[in-house]
Amino acid sequence: DLASEMAESHSAYKLAREVLKLRET
């Protein structure tokens, strides 16, 4: 469960960074 939560959190972080890059573009 902890590993799943960490993976989801990491995925959300990566997605947020990608969204920020797209907004800058």
mmCIF file of all heavy atoms, coordinates in Angstrom:
data_MODEL
# 
_entry.id   MODEL 
# 
loop_
_atom_site.group_PDB 
_atom_site.id 
_atom_site.type_symbol 
_atom_site.label_atom_id 
_atom_site.label_alt_id 
_atom_site.label_comp_id 
_atom_site.label_asym_id 
_atom_site.label_entity_id 
_atom_site.label_seq_id 
_atom_site.pdbx_PDB_ins_code 
_atom_site.Cartn_x 
_atom_site.Cartn_y 
_atom_site.Cartn_z 
_atom_site.occupancy 
_atom_site.B_iso_or_equiv 
_atom_site.pdbx_formal_charge 
_atom_site.auth_seq_id 
_atom_site.auth_comp_id 
_atom_site.auth_asym_id 
_atom_site.auth_atom_id 
_atom_site.pdbx_PDB_model_num 
ATOM 1   N N   . ASP A 1 1  ? 0.833  -1.209 0.000   1.00 0.00 ? 1  ASP A N   1 
ATOM 2   C CA  . ASP A 1 1  ? 0.000  0.000  0.000   1.00 0.00 ? 1  ASP A CA  1 
ATOM 3   C C   . ASP A 1 1  ? 0.868  1.259  0.000   1.00 0.00 ? 1  ASP A C   1 
ATOM 4   O O   . ASP A 1 1  ? 0.591  2.213  -0.734  1.00 0.00 ? 1  ASP A O   1 
ATOM 5   C CB  . ASP A 1 1  ? -0.934 0.011  1.218   1.00 0.00 ? 1  ASP A CB  1 
ATOM 6   C CG  . ASP A 1 1  ? -2.057 -0.999 1.106   1.00 0.00 ? 1  ASP A CG  1 
ATOM 7   O OD1 . ASP A 1 1  ? -2.288 -1.509 -0.020  1.00 0.00 ? 1  ASP A OD1 1 
ATOM 8   O OD2 . ASP A 1 1  ? -2.703 -1.266 2.140   1.00 0.00 ? 1  ASP A OD2 1 
ATOM 9   N N   . LEU A 1 2  ? 1.903  1.239  0.821   1.00 0.00 ? 2  LEU A N   1 
ATOM 10  C CA  . LEU A 1 2  ? 2.806  2.382  0.885   1.00 0.00 ? 2  LEU A CA  1 
ATOM 11  C C   . LEU A 1 2  ? 3.520  2.586  -0.451  1.00 0.00 ? 2  LEU A C   1 
ATOM 12  O O   . LEU A 1 2  ? 3.618  3.706  -0.951  1.00 0.00 ? 2  LEU A O   1 
ATOM 13  C CB  . LEU A 1 2  ? 3.833  2.192  2.010   1.00 0.00 ? 2  LEU A CB  1 
ATOM 14  C CG  . LEU A 1 2  ? 4.810  3.340  2.238   1.00 0.00 ? 2  LEU A CG  1 
ATOM 15  C CD1 . LEU A 1 2  ? 4.069  4.638  2.534   1.00 0.00 ? 2  LEU A CD1 1 
ATOM 16  C CD2 . LEU A 1 2  ? 5.754  2.997  3.375   1.00 0.00 ? 2  LEU A CD2 1 
ATOM 17  N N   . ALA A 1 3  ? 3.958  1.514  -1.053  1.00 0.00 ? 3  ALA A N   1 
ATOM 18  C CA  . ALA A 1 3  ? 4.616  1.606  -2.355  1.00 0.00 ? 3  ALA A CA  1 
ATOM 19  C C   . ALA A 1 3  ? 3.648  2.139  -3.412  1.00 0.00 ? 3  ALA A C   1 
ATOM 20  O O   . ALA A 1 3  ? 4.027  2.955  -4.260  1.00 0.00 ? 3  ALA A O   1 
ATOM 21  C CB  . ALA A 1 3  ? 5.164  0.243  -2.762  1.00 0.00 ? 3  ALA A CB  1 
ATOM 22  N N   . SER A 1 4  ? 2.405  1.698  -3.359  1.00 0.00 ? 4  SER A N   1 
ATOM 23  C CA  . SER A 1 4  ? 1.388  2.186  -4.298  1.00 0.00 ? 4  SER A CA  1 
ATOM 24  C C   . SER A 1 4  ? 1.153  3.682  -4.116  1.00 0.00 ? 4  SER A C   1 
ATOM 25  O O   . SER A 1 4  ? 1.067  4.436  -5.089  1.00 0.00 ? 4  SER A O   1 
ATOM 26  C CB  . SER A 1 4  ? 0.073  1.438  -4.125  1.00 0.00 ? 4  SER A CB  1 
ATOM 27  O OG  . SER A 1 4  ? 0.232  0.085  -4.483  1.00 0.00 ? 4  SER A OG  1 
ATOM 28  N N   . GLU A 1 5  ? 1.057  4.117  -2.873  1.00 0.00 ? 5  GLU A N   1 
ATOM 29  C CA  . GLU A 1 5  ? 0.861  5.538  -2.592  1.00 0.00 ? 5  GLU A CA  1 
ATOM 30  C C   . GLU A 1 5  ? 2.041  6.364  -3.102  1.00 0.00 ? 5  GLU A C   1 
ATOM 31  O O   . GLU A 1 5  ? 1.860  7.436  -3.679  1.00 0.00 ? 5  GLU A O   1 
ATOM 32  C CB  . GLU A 1 5  ? 0.682  5.767  -1.094  1.00 0.00 ? 5  GLU A CB  1 
ATOM 33  C CG  . GLU A 1 5  ? -0.652 5.330  -0.560  1.00 0.00 ? 5  GLU A CG  1 
ATOM 34  C CD  . GLU A 1 5  ? -0.743 5.505  0.947   1.00 0.00 ? 5  GLU A CD  1 
ATOM 35  O OE1 . GLU A 1 5  ? -0.044 6.375  1.507   1.00 0.00 ? 5  GLU A OE1 1 
ATOM 36  O OE2 . GLU A 1 5  ? -1.525 4.765  1.568   1.00 0.00 ? 5  GLU A OE2 1 
ATOM 37  N N   . MET A 1 6  ? 3.239  5.844  -2.885  1.00 0.00 ? 6  MET A N   1 
ATOM 38  C CA  . MET A 1 6  ? 4.432  6.556  -3.345  1.00 0.00 ? 6  MET A CA  1 
ATOM 39  C C   . MET A 1 6  ? 4.467  6.631  -4.867  1.00 0.00 ? 6  MET A C   1 
ATOM 40  O O   . MET A 1 6  ? 4.807  7.666  -5.441  1.00 0.00 ? 6  MET A O   1 
ATOM 41  C CB  . MET A 1 6  ? 5.691  5.890  -2.801  1.00 0.00 ? 6  MET A CB  1 
ATOM 42  C CG  . MET A 1 6  ? 5.855  6.057  -1.303  1.00 0.00 ? 6  MET A CG  1 
ATOM 43  S SD  . MET A 1 6  ? 7.259  5.149  -0.633  1.00 0.00 ? 6  MET A SD  1 
ATOM 44  C CE  . MET A 1 6  ? 8.629  6.046  -1.333  1.00 0.00 ? 6  MET A CE  1 
ATOM 45  N N   . ALA A 1 7  ? 4.089  5.561  -5.528  1.00 0.00 ? 7  ALA A N   1 
ATOM 46  C CA  . ALA A 1 7  ? 4.072  5.536  -6.994  1.00 0.00 ? 7  ALA A CA  1 
ATOM 47  C C   . ALA A 1 7  ? 3.039  6.526  -7.526  1.00 0.00 ? 7  ALA A C   1 
ATOM 48  O O   . ALA A 1 7  ? 3.305  7.254  -8.482  1.00 0.00 ? 7  ALA A O   1 
ATOM 49  C CB  . ALA A 1 7  ? 3.779  4.128  -7.498  1.00 0.00 ? 7  ALA A CB  1 
ATOM 50  N N   . GLU A 1 8  ? 1.861  6.559  -6.903  1.00 0.00 ? 8  GLU A N   1 
ATOM 51  C CA  . GLU A 1 8  ? 0.835  7.508  -7.320  1.00 0.00 ? 8  GLU A CA  1 
ATOM 52  C C   . GLU A 1 8  ? 1.299  8.940  -7.110  1.00 0.00 ? 8  GLU A C   1 
ATOM 53  O O   . GLU A 1 8  ? 1.101  9.804  -7.962  1.00 0.00 ? 8  GLU A O   1 
ATOM 54  C CB  . GLU A 1 8  ? -0.460 7.255  -6.552  1.00 0.00 ? 8  GLU A CB  1 
ATOM 55  C CG  . GLU A 1 8  ? -1.187 6.008  -6.980  1.00 0.00 ? 8  GLU A CG  1 
ATOM 56  C CD  . GLU A 1 8  ? -2.383 5.700  -6.096  1.00 0.00 ? 8  GLU A CD  1 
ATOM 57  O OE1 . GLU A 1 8  ? -2.807 6.589  -5.315  1.00 0.00 ? 8  GLU A OE1 1 
ATOM 58  O OE2 . GLU A 1 8  ? -2.897 4.577  -6.184  1.00 0.00 ? 8  GLU A OE2 1 
ATOM 59  N N   . SER A 1 9  ? 1.940  9.179  -5.987  1.00 0.00 ? 9  SER A N   1 
ATOM 60  C CA  . SER A 1 9  ? 2.446  10.515 -5.681  1.00 0.00 ? 9  SER A CA  1 
ATOM 61  C C   . SER A 1 9  ? 3.509  10.927 -6.691  1.00 0.00 ? 9  SER A C   1 
ATOM 62  O O   . SER A 1 9  ? 3.523  12.053 -7.178  1.00 0.00 ? 9  SER A O   1 
ATOM 63  C CB  . SER A 1 9  ? 3.014  10.536 -4.257  1.00 0.00 ? 9  SER A CB  1 
ATOM 64  O OG  . SER A 1 9  ? 3.479  11.813 -3.941  1.00 0.00 ? 9  SER A OG  1 
ATOM 65  N N   . HIS A 1 10 ? 4.398  9.993  -7.016  1.00 0.00 ? 10 HIS A N   1 
ATOM 66  C CA  . HIS A 1 10 ? 5.452  10.261 -7.997  1.00 0.00 ? 10 HIS A CA  1 
ATOM 67  C C   . HIS A 1 10 ? 4.845  10.541 -9.368  1.00 0.00 ? 10 HIS A C   1 
ATOM 68  O O   . HIS A 1 10 ? 5.248  11.466 -10.070 1.00 0.00 ? 10 HIS A O   1 
ATOM 69  C CB  . HIS A 1 10 ? 6.423  9.085  -8.059  1.00 0.00 ? 10 HIS A CB  1 
ATOM 70  C CG  . HIS A 1 10 ? 7.537  9.283  -9.030  1.00 0.00 ? 10 HIS A CG  1 
ATOM 71  N ND1 . HIS A 1 10 ? 8.541  10.189 -8.817  1.00 0.00 ? 10 HIS A ND1 1 
ATOM 72  C CD2 . HIS A 1 10 ? 7.795  8.699  -10.228 1.00 0.00 ? 10 HIS A CD2 1 
ATOM 73  C CE1 . HIS A 1 10 ? 9.378  10.163 -9.847  1.00 0.00 ? 10 HIS A CE1 1 
ATOM 74  N NE2 . HIS A 1 10 ? 8.942  9.263  -10.712 1.00 0.00 ? 10 HIS A NE2 1 
ATOM 75  N N   . SER A 1 11 ? 3.844  9.748  -9.741  1.00 0.00 ? 11 SER A N   1 
ATOM 76  C CA  . SER A 1 11 ? 3.170  9.948  -11.025 1.00 0.00 ? 11 SER A CA  1 
ATOM 77  C C   . SER A 1 11 ? 2.481  11.304 -11.071 1.00 0.00 ? 11 SER A C   1 
ATOM 78  O O   . SER A 1 11 ? 2.535  12.001 -12.086 1.00 0.00 ? 11 SER A O   1 
ATOM 79  C CB  . SER A 1 11 ? 2.145  8.853  -11.280 1.00 0.00 ? 11 SER A CB  1 
ATOM 80  O OG  . SER A 1 11 ? 2.802  7.611  -11.447 1.00 0.00 ? 11 SER A OG  1 
ATOM 81  N N   . ALA A 1 12 ? 1.825  11.686 -9.985  1.00 0.00 ? 12 ALA A N   1 
ATOM 82  C CA  . ALA A 1 12 ? 1.151  12.981 -9.929  1.00 0.00 ? 12 ALA A CA  1 
ATOM 83  C C   . ALA A 1 12 ? 2.171  14.114 -10.043 1.00 0.00 ? 12 ALA A C   1 
ATOM 84  O O   . ALA A 1 12 ? 1.930  15.109 -10.732 1.00 0.00 ? 12 ALA A O   1 
ATOM 85  C CB  . ALA A 1 12 ? 0.359  13.113 -8.633  1.00 0.00 ? 12 ALA A CB  1 
ATOM 86  N N   . TYR A 1 13 ? 3.318  13.956 -9.403  1.00 0.00 ? 13 TYR A N   1 
ATOM 87  C CA  . TYR A 1 13 ? 4.380  14.961 -9.481  1.00 0.00 ? 13 TYR A CA  1 
ATOM 88  C C   . TYR A 1 13 ? 4.888  15.086 -10.904 1.00 0.00 ? 13 TYR A C   1 
ATOM 89  O O   . TYR A 1 13 ? 5.041  16.194 -11.428 1.00 0.00 ? 13 TYR A O   1 
ATOM 90  C CB  . TYR A 1 13 ? 5.516  14.581 -8.524  1.00 0.00 ? 13 TYR A CB  1 
ATOM 91  C CG  . TYR A 1 13 ? 6.720  15.470 -8.639  1.00 0.00 ? 13 TYR A CG  1 
ATOM 92  C CD1 . TYR A 1 13 ? 6.701  16.751 -8.104  1.00 0.00 ? 13 TYR A CD1 1 
ATOM 93  C CD2 . TYR A 1 13 ? 7.873  15.027 -9.283  1.00 0.00 ? 13 TYR A CD2 1 
ATOM 94  C CE1 . TYR A 1 13 ? 7.807  17.579 -8.205  1.00 0.00 ? 13 TYR A CE1 1 
ATOM 95  C CE2 . TYR A 1 13 ? 8.982  15.846 -9.395  1.00 0.00 ? 13 TYR A CE2 1 
ATOM 96  C CZ  . TYR A 1 13 ? 8.948  17.119 -8.850  1.00 0.00 ? 13 TYR A CZ  1 
ATOM 97  O OH  . TYR A 1 13 ? 10.045 17.933 -8.963  1.00 0.00 ? 13 TYR A OH  1 
ATOM 98  N N   . LYS A 1 14 ? 5.132  13.944 -11.558 1.00 0.00 ? 14 LYS A N   1 
ATOM 99  C CA  . LYS A 1 14 ? 5.610  13.972 -12.945 1.00 0.00 ? 14 LYS A CA  1 
ATOM 100 C C   . LYS A 1 14 ? 4.580  14.620 -13.859 1.00 0.00 ? 14 LYS A C   1 
ATOM 101 O O   . LYS A 1 14 ? 4.921  15.399 -14.744 1.00 0.00 ? 14 LYS A O   1 
ATOM 102 C CB  . LYS A 1 14 ? 5.939  12.563 -13.419 1.00 0.00 ? 14 LYS A CB  1 
ATOM 103 C CG  . LYS A 1 14 ? 7.240  12.002 -12.859 1.00 0.00 ? 14 LYS A CG  1 
ATOM 104 C CD  . LYS A 1 14 ? 7.487  10.579 -13.298 1.00 0.00 ? 14 LYS A CD  1 
ATOM 105 C CE  . LYS A 1 14 ? 7.734  10.513 -14.778 1.00 0.00 ? 14 LYS A CE  1 
ATOM 106 N NZ  . LYS A 1 14 ? 8.055  9.151  -15.251 1.00 0.00 ? 14 LYS A NZ  1 
ATOM 107 N N   . LEU A 1 15 ? 3.322  14.297 -13.642 1.00 0.00 ? 15 LEU A N   1 
ATOM 108 C CA  . LEU A 1 15 ? 2.259  14.868 -14.455 1.00 0.00 ? 15 LEU A CA  1 
ATOM 109 C C   . LEU A 1 15 ? 2.168  16.384 -14.247 1.00 0.00 ? 15 LEU A C   1 
ATOM 110 O O   . LEU A 1 15 ? 2.031  17.145 -15.213 1.00 0.00 ? 15 LEU A O   1 
ATOM 111 C CB  . LEU A 1 15 ? 0.922  14.207 -14.112 1.00 0.00 ? 15 LEU A CB  1 
ATOM 112 C CG  . LEU A 1 15 ? -0.283 14.645 -14.929 1.00 0.00 ? 15 LEU A CG  1 
ATOM 113 C CD1 . LEU A 1 15 ? -0.058 14.391 -16.419 1.00 0.00 ? 15 LEU A CD1 1 
ATOM 114 C CD2 . LEU A 1 15 ? -1.528 13.920 -14.453 1.00 0.00 ? 15 LEU A CD2 1 
ATOM 115 N N   . ALA A 1 16 ? 2.276  16.819 -13.017 1.00 0.00 ? 16 ALA A N   1 
ATOM 116 C CA  . ALA A 1 16 ? 2.230  18.256 -12.718 1.00 0.00 ? 16 ALA A CA  1 
ATOM 117 C C   . ALA A 1 16 ? 3.396  18.979 -13.387 1.00 0.00 ? 16 ALA A C   1 
ATOM 118 O O   . ALA A 1 16 ? 3.226  20.080 -13.920 1.00 0.00 ? 16 ALA A O   1 
ATOM 119 C CB  . ALA A 1 16 ? 2.257  18.484 -11.213 1.00 0.00 ? 16 ALA A CB  1 
ATOM 120 N N   . ARG A 1 17 ? 4.565  18.382 -13.378 1.00 0.00 ? 17 ARG A N   1 
ATOM 121 C CA  . ARG A 1 17 ? 5.721  18.992 -14.051 1.00 0.00 ? 17 ARG A CA  1 
ATOM 122 C C   . ARG A 1 17 ? 5.500  19.079 -15.552 1.00 0.00 ? 17 ARG A C   1 
ATOM 123 O O   . ARG A 1 17 ? 5.839  20.077 -16.182 1.00 0.00 ? 17 ARG A O   1 
ATOM 124 C CB  . ARG A 1 17 ? 6.989  18.191 -13.762 1.00 0.00 ? 17 ARG A CB  1 
ATOM 125 C CG  . ARG A 1 17 ? 7.537  18.426 -12.360 1.00 0.00 ? 17 ARG A CG  1 
ATOM 126 C CD  . ARG A 1 17 ? 8.846  17.762 -12.157 1.00 0.00 ? 17 ARG A CD  1 
ATOM 127 N NE  . ARG A 1 17 ? 9.775  18.175 -13.216 1.00 0.00 ? 17 ARG A NE  1 
ATOM 128 C CZ  . ARG A 1 17 ? 11.037 17.843 -13.273 1.00 0.00 ? 17 ARG A CZ  1 
ATOM 129 N NH1 . ARG A 1 17 ? 11.541 17.091 -12.334 1.00 0.00 ? 17 ARG A NH1 1 
ATOM 130 N NH2 . ARG A 1 17 ? 11.812 18.240 -14.244 1.00 0.00 ? 17 ARG A NH2 1 
ATOM 131 N N   . GLU A 1 18 ? 4.928  18.040 -16.124 1.00 0.00 ? 18 GLU A N   1 
ATOM 132 C CA  . GLU A 1 18 ? 4.652  18.038 -17.560 1.00 0.00 ? 18 GLU A CA  1 
ATOM 133 C C   . GLU A 1 18 ? 3.622  19.105 -17.921 1.00 0.00 ? 18 GLU A C   1 
ATOM 134 O O   . GLU A 1 18 ? 3.764  19.808 -18.917 1.00 0.00 ? 18 GLU A O   1 
ATOM 135 C CB  . GLU A 1 18 ? 4.164  16.651 -17.999 1.00 0.00 ? 18 GLU A CB  1 
ATOM 136 C CG  . GLU A 1 18 ? 4.112  16.464 -19.482 1.00 0.00 ? 18 GLU A CG  1 
ATOM 137 C CD  . GLU A 1 18 ? 5.464  16.579 -20.174 1.00 0.00 ? 18 GLU A CD  1 
ATOM 138 O OE1 . GLU A 1 18 ? 6.500  16.248 -19.564 1.00 0.00 ? 18 GLU A OE1 1 
ATOM 139 O OE2 . GLU A 1 18 ? 5.475  17.020 -21.335 1.00 0.00 ? 18 GLU A OE2 1 
ATOM 140 N N   . VAL A 1 19 ? 2.605  19.250 -17.085 1.00 0.00 ? 19 VAL A N   1 
ATOM 141 C CA  . VAL A 1 19 ? 1.594  20.287 -17.309 1.00 0.00 ? 19 VAL A CA  1 
ATOM 142 C C   . VAL A 1 19 ? 2.242  21.669 -17.246 1.00 0.00 ? 19 VAL A C   1 
ATOM 143 O O   . VAL A 1 19 ? 1.959  22.537 -18.081 1.00 0.00 ? 19 VAL A O   1 
ATOM 144 C CB  . VAL A 1 19 ? 0.441  20.164 -16.281 1.00 0.00 ? 19 VAL A CB  1 
ATOM 145 C CG1 . VAL A 1 19 ? -0.441 21.399 -16.284 1.00 0.00 ? 19 VAL A CG1 1 
ATOM 146 C CG2 . VAL A 1 19 ? -0.387 18.919 -16.563 1.00 0.00 ? 19 VAL A CG2 1 
ATOM 147 N N   . LEU A 1 20 ? 3.116  21.884 -16.287 1.00 0.00 ? 20 LEU A N   1 
ATOM 148 C CA  . LEU A 1 20 ? 3.809  23.163 -16.175 1.00 0.00 ? 20 LEU A CA  1 
ATOM 149 C C   . LEU A 1 20 ? 4.647  23.447 -17.424 1.00 0.00 ? 20 LEU A C   1 
ATOM 150 O O   . LEU A 1 20 ? 4.621  24.558 -17.959 1.00 0.00 ? 20 LEU A O   1 
ATOM 151 C CB  . LEU A 1 20 ? 4.699  23.174 -14.930 1.00 0.00 ? 20 LEU A CB  1 
ATOM 152 C CG  . LEU A 1 20 ? 5.473  24.456 -14.675 1.00 0.00 ? 20 LEU A CG  1 
ATOM 153 C CD1 . LEU A 1 20 ? 4.537  25.648 -14.525 1.00 0.00 ? 20 LEU A CD1 1 
ATOM 154 C CD2 . LEU A 1 20 ? 6.346  24.308 -13.443 1.00 0.00 ? 20 LEU A CD2 1 
ATOM 155 N N   . LYS A 1 21 ? 5.364  22.437 -17.905 1.00 0.00 ? 21 LYS A N   1 
ATOM 156 C CA  . LYS A 1 21 ? 6.154  22.608 -19.127 1.00 0.00 ? 21 LYS A CA  1 
ATOM 157 C C   . LYS A 1 21 ? 5.260  22.963 -20.310 1.00 0.00 ? 21 LYS A C   1 
ATOM 158 O O   . LYS A 1 21 ? 5.597  23.822 -21.118 1.00 0.00 ? 21 LYS A O   1 
ATOM 159 C CB  . LYS A 1 21 ? 6.939  21.328 -19.448 1.00 0.00 ? 21 LYS A CB  1 
ATOM 160 C CG  . LYS A 1 21 ? 8.122  21.080 -18.554 1.00 0.00 ? 21 LYS A CG  1 
ATOM 161 C CD  . LYS A 1 21 ? 8.813  19.779 -18.971 1.00 0.00 ? 21 LYS A CD  1 
ATOM 162 C CE  . LYS A 1 21 ? 9.848  19.349 -17.979 1.00 0.00 ? 21 LYS A CE  1 
ATOM 163 N NZ  . LYS A 1 21 ? 10.461 18.064 -18.357 1.00 0.00 ? 21 LYS A NZ  1 
ATOM 164 N N   . LEU A 1 22 ? 4.122  22.294 -20.416 1.00 0.00 ? 22 LEU A N   1 
ATOM 165 C CA  . LEU A 1 22 ? 3.196  22.569 -21.510 1.00 0.00 ? 22 LEU A CA  1 
ATOM 166 C C   . LEU A 1 22 ? 2.631  23.984 -21.415 1.00 0.00 ? 22 LEU A C   1 
ATOM 167 O O   . LEU A 1 22 ? 2.498  24.676 -22.426 1.00 0.00 ? 22 LEU A O   1 
ATOM 168 C CB  . LEU A 1 22 ? 2.067  21.541 -21.538 1.00 0.00 ? 22 LEU A CB  1 
ATOM 169 C CG  . LEU A 1 22 ? 2.485  20.138 -21.965 1.00 0.00 ? 22 LEU A CG  1 
ATOM 170 C CD1 . LEU A 1 22 ? 1.331  19.160 -21.757 1.00 0.00 ? 22 LEU A CD1 1 
ATOM 171 C CD2 . LEU A 1 22 ? 2.932  20.120 -23.414 1.00 0.00 ? 22 LEU A CD2 1 
ATOM 172 N N   . ARG A 1 23 ? 2.338  24.427 -20.203 1.00 0.00 ? 23 ARG A N   1 
ATOM 173 C CA  . ARG A 1 23 ? 1.840  25.795 -20.019 1.00 0.00 ? 23 ARG A CA  1 
ATOM 174 C C   . ARG A 1 23 ? 2.897  26.817 -20.440 1.00 0.00 ? 23 ARG A C   1 
ATOM 175 O O   . ARG A 1 23 ? 2.573  27.833 -21.052 1.00 0.00 ? 23 ARG A O   1 
ATOM 176 C CB  . ARG A 1 23 ? 1.436  26.030 -18.574 1.00 0.00 ? 23 ARG A CB  1 
ATOM 177 C CG  . ARG A 1 23 ? 0.134  25.358 -18.215 1.00 0.00 ? 23 ARG A CG  1 
ATOM 178 C CD  . ARG A 1 23 ? -0.281 25.650 -16.800 1.00 0.00 ? 23 ARG A CD  1 
ATOM 179 N NE  . ARG A 1 23 ? -1.552 25.030 -16.511 1.00 0.00 ? 23 ARG A NE  1 
ATOM 180 C CZ  . ARG A 1 23 ? -2.044 24.893 -15.299 1.00 0.00 ? 23 ARG A CZ  1 
ATOM 181 N NH1 . ARG A 1 23 ? -1.366 25.325 -14.254 1.00 0.00 ? 23 ARG A NH1 1 
ATOM 182 N NH2 . ARG A 1 23 ? -3.213 24.326 -15.121 1.00 0.00 ? 23 ARG A NH2 1 
ATOM 183 N N   . GLU A 1 24 ? 4.141  26.546 -20.103 1.00 0.00 ? 24 GLU A N   1 
ATOM 184 C CA  . GLU A 1 24 ? 5.227  27.450 -20.502 1.00 0.00 ? 24 GLU A CA  1 
ATOM 185 C C   . GLU A 1 24 ? 5.368  27.466 -22.022 1.00 0.00 ? 24 GLU A C   1 
ATOM 186 O O   . GLU A 1 24 ? 5.571  28.526 -22.625 1.00 0.00 ? 24 GLU A O   1 
ATOM 187 C CB  . GLU A 1 24 ? 6.537  27.030 -19.844 1.00 0.00 ? 24 GLU A CB  1 
ATOM 188 C CG  . GLU A 1 24 ? 6.567  27.274 -18.355 1.00 0.00 ? 24 GLU A CG  1 
ATOM 189 C CD  . GLU A 1 24 ? 7.790  26.662 -17.670 1.00 0.00 ? 24 GLU A CD  1 
ATOM 190 O OE1 . GLU A 1 24 ? 8.558  25.934 -18.325 1.00 0.00 ? 24 GLU A OE1 1 
ATOM 191 O OE2 . GLU A 1 24 ? 7.958  26.934 -16.468 1.00 0.00 ? 24 GLU A OE2 1 
ATOM 192 N N   . THR A 1 25 ? 5.239  26.298 -22.646 1.00 0.00 ? 25 THR A N   1 
ATOM 193 C CA  . THR A 1 25 ? 5.317  26.215 -24.106 1.00 0.00 ? 25 THR A CA  1 
ATOM 194 C C   . THR A 1 25 ? 4.178  27.001 -24.740 1.00 0.00 ? 25 THR A C   1 
ATOM 195 O O   . THR A 1 25 ? 4.391  27.757 -25.698 1.00 0.00 ? 25 THR A O   1 
ATOM 196 C CB  . THR A 1 25 ? 5.267  24.746 -24.566 1.00 0.00 ? 25 THR A CB  1 
ATOM 197 O OG1 . THR A 1 25 ? 6.388  24.055 -24.007 1.00 0.00 ? 25 THR A OG1 1 
ATOM 198 C CG2 . THR A 1 25 ? 5.305  24.626 -26.069 1.00 0.00 ? 25 THR A CG2 1 
# 
